[in-house]
Amino acid sequence: MKTQVNLKIDLDIKRKAQRTAKDLGLSLSSVVNASLKQFAKTGEFHVSVAPKMTAHLENLVTEAREDFKRGRVGGPFGTANDFLKYLNR
């Protein structure tokens, strides 16, 4: 059996929540239902959205992985000065 719940929510929060739900392929209704179901079952409330890497960070990670595969890595360094010499070459 379904029922309807009326909630007063800040419009900006509602819109942001709808966008986040849509990004996850969900409706806001399904997010609320899942949250309430879990809360009723456990008495706990948890929210998490895993952060996404920016395109720039993804490119840096890809570049670093390629450098590692090709053996283009430095270190280990015996001293901080050795490390600075490596950086400045």
Protein backbone atom coordinates (compact mmCIF):
# COMPACT_ATOMS: atom_id res chain seq x y z
CA MET A 1 0.00 0.00 0.00
CA LYS A 2 1.34 3.45 -0.90
CA THR A 3 0.78 6.69 0.97
CA GLN A 4 1.62 10.28 0.31
CA VAL A 5 3.80 12.46 2.54
CA ASN A 6 3.81 16.23 2.26
CA LEU A 7 7.07 17.89 3.19
CA LYS A 8 8.18 21.51 3.24
CA ILE A 9 11.67 21.66 1.77
CA ASP A 10 13.76 24.61 0.68
CA LEU A 11 13.34 24.91 -3.12
CA ASP A 12 17.08 25.12 -3.77
CA ILE A 13 17.75 21.97 -1.72
CA LYS A 14 14.96 20.13 -3.55
CA ARG A 15 16.37 21.07 -6.95
CA LYS A 16 19.92 20.08 -5.99
CA ALA A 17 18.65 16.77 -4.57
CA GLN A 18 16.67 16.10 -7.74
CA ARG A 19 19.77 16.76 -9.88
CA THR A 20 21.91 14.48 -7.73
CA ALA A 21 19.29 11.73 -7.83
CA LYS A 22 19.00 12.11 -11.61
CA ASP A 23 22.80 11.88 -11.96
CA LEU A 24 22.57 8.56 -10.13
CA GLY A 25 19.69 7.40 -12.34
CA LEU A 26 17.13 7.71 -9.56
CA SER A 27 14.02 9.71 -8.83
CA LEU A 28 13.85 11.89 -5.74
CA SER A 29 10.94 9.74 -4.59
CA SER A 30 13.05 6.58 -4.74
CA VAL A 31 15.84 8.28 -2.78
CA VAL A 32 13.40 9.37 -0.07
CA ASN A 33 11.79 5.91 0.03
CA ALA A 34 15.15 4.15 0.30
CA SER A 35 16.32 6.56 3.00
CA LEU A 36 13.15 6.12 5.06
CA LYS A 37 13.21 2.35 4.62
CA GLN A 38 16.81 2.14 5.85
CA PHE A 39 16.10 4.57 8.70
CA ALA A 40 13.06 2.53 9.82
CA LYS A 41 15.06 -0.70 9.65
CA THR A 42 18.24 0.40 11.42
CA GLY A 43 17.39 3.62 13.22
CA GLU A 44 20.41 5.13 11.47
CA PHE A 45 20.71 7.78 8.79
CA HIS A 46 23.73 7.89 6.44
CA VAL A 47 24.30 9.95 3.32
CA SER A 48 27.25 9.73 0.97
CA VAL A 49 28.09 10.88 -2.51
CA ALA A 50 31.48 9.75 -3.70
CA PRO A 51 33.49 12.67 -5.05
CA LYS A 52 34.25 12.65 -8.75
CA MET A 53 37.63 13.48 -10.18
CA THR A 54 37.85 16.53 -12.37
CA ALA A 55 38.94 16.05 -15.98
CA HIS A 56 42.23 17.75 -15.11
CA LEU A 57 42.91 15.35 -12.23
CA GLU A 58 41.99 12.35 -14.41
CA ASN A 59 44.53 13.54 -17.00
CA LEU A 60 47.22 13.92 -14.34
CA VAL A 61 46.56 10.41 -13.02
CA THR A 62 46.69 8.97 -16.54
CA GLU A 63 49.95 10.80 -17.22
CA ALA A 64 51.47 9.57 -13.94
CA ARG A 65 50.46 5.98 -14.69
CA GLU A 66 52.05 6.19 -18.15
CA ASP A 67 55.24 7.64 -16.67
CA PHE A 68 55.34 4.79 -14.14
CA LYS A 69 54.83 2.13 -16.87
CA ARG A 70 57.68 3.63 -18.88
CA GLY A 71 60.00 3.76 -15.87
CA ARG A 72 60.05 7.56 -15.79
CA VAL A 73 60.03 7.85 -12.02
CA GLY A 74 62.49 9.35 -9.56
CA GLY A 75 63.70 8.29 -6.19
CA PRO A 76 64.10 7.06 -3.65
CA PHE A 77 66.06 10.07 -2.49
CA GLY A 78 68.57 9.98 0.34
CA THR A 79 68.12 13.61 1.28
CA ALA A 80 65.78 16.51 0.64
CA ASN A 81 68.57 18.16 -1.37
CA ASP A 82 68.76 15.11 -3.65
CA PHE A 83 65.02 15.44 -4.21
CA LEU A 84 65.31 19.16 -4.98
CA LYS A 85 68.14 18.48 -7.46
CA TYR A 86 65.90 15.95 -9.19
CA LEU A 87 63.04 18.45 -9.40
CA ASN A 88 65.24 21.22 -10.75
CA ARG A 89 66.89 19.22 -13.54
